C-alpha atoms as a PDB file:
ATOM      1  CA  UNK A   1     -31.225   1.005 143.328  1.00  0.00           C
ATOM      2  CA  UNK A   2     -33.507  -1.911 143.724  1.00  0.00           C
ATOM      3  CA  UNK A   3     -36.165  -0.333 141.752  1.00  0.00           C
ATOM      4  CA  UNK A   4     -33.829   0.261 138.813  1.00  0.00           C
ATOM      5  CA  UNK A   5     -32.888  -3.321 138.638  1.00  0.00           C
ATOM      6  CA  UNK A   6     -36.351  -4.593 138.837  1.00  0.00           C
ATOM      7  CA  UNK A   7     -37.497  -2.194 136.199  1.00  0.00           C
ATOM      8  CA  UNK A   8     -34.521  -3.151 133.894  1.00  0.00           C
ATOM      9  CA  UNK A   9     -35.590  -7.043 134.512  1.00  0.00           C
ATOM     10  CA  UNK A  10     -39.170  -5.958 133.645  1.00  0.00           C
ATOM     11  CA  UNK A  11     -38.259  -4.287 130.421  1.00  0.00           C
ATOM     12  CA  UNK A  12     -36.127  -7.346 129.497  1.00  0.00           C
ATOM     13  CA  UNK A  13     -39.098  -9.469 130.125  1.00  0.00           C
ATOM     14  CA  UNK A  14     -41.213  -7.233 127.931  1.00  0.00           C
ATOM     15  CA  UNK A  15     -38.596  -7.158 125.142  1.00  0.00           C
ATOM     16  CA  UNK A  16     -38.507 -11.051 125.253  1.00  0.00           C
ATOM     17  CA  UNK A  17     -42.246 -11.343 125.017  1.00  0.00           C
ATOM     18  CA  UNK A  18     -42.315  -9.059 122.190  1.00  0.00           C
ATOM     19  CA  UNK A  19     -39.720 -10.937 120.046  1.00  0.00           C
ATOM     20  CA  UNK A  20     -41.635 -14.182 120.864  1.00  0.00           C
ATOM     21  CA  UNK A  21     -44.888 -12.302 119.456  1.00  0.00           C
ATOM     22  CA  UNK A  22     -43.067 -11.071 116.486  1.00  0.00           C
ATOM     23  CA  UNK A  23     -41.492 -14.647 115.701  1.00  0.00           C
ATOM     24  CA  UNK A  24     -44.937 -16.193 115.984  1.00  0.00           C
ATOM     25  CA  UNK A  25     -46.446 -13.288 113.844  1.00  0.00           C
ATOM     26  CA  UNK A  26     -43.761 -14.024 111.128  1.00  0.00           C
ATOM     27  CA  UNK A  27     -44.550 -17.620 111.224  1.00  0.00           C
ATOM     28  CA  UNK A  28     -48.168 -16.799 110.488  1.00  0.00           C
ATOM     29  CA  UNK A  29     -47.323 -14.432 107.711  1.00  0.00           C
ATOM     30  CA  UNK A  30     -45.202 -17.049 105.962  1.00  0.00           C
ATOM     31  CA  UNK A  31     -47.841 -19.583 106.376  1.00  0.00           C
ATOM     32  CA  UNK A  32     -50.391 -17.224 104.864  1.00  0.00           C
ATOM     33  CA  UNK A  33     -48.129 -16.280 102.105  1.00  0.00           C
ATOM     34  CA  UNK A  34     -47.564 -20.098 101.318  1.00  0.00           C
ATOM     35  CA  UNK A  35     -51.375 -20.731 101.263  1.00  0.00           C
ATOM     36  CA  UNK A  36     -51.864 -17.671  98.821  1.00  0.00           C
ATOM     37  CA  UNK A  37     -49.276 -19.251  96.678  1.00  0.00           C
ATOM     38  CA  UNK A  38     -51.042 -22.473  96.695  1.00  0.00           C
ATOM     39  CA  UNK A  39     -54.525 -21.107  95.834  1.00  0.00           C
ATOM     40  CA  UNK A  40     -52.855 -19.046  92.882  1.00  0.00           C
ATOM     41  CA  UNK A  41     -51.313 -22.302  91.489  1.00  0.00           C
ATOM     42  CA  UNK A  42     -54.848 -23.792  91.621  1.00  0.00           C
ATOM     43  CA  UNK A  43     -56.210 -20.561  89.947  1.00  0.00           C
END
């Protein structure tokens, strides 16, 4: 039983990490899109 609990905790930890990474990734994409729009305006 103890193994199952630690496994679930591990999976939860990984899911949390993935969500954080996705959030950071989305922020980066938003920043890049903003930069692209700025460049298009200059052009």
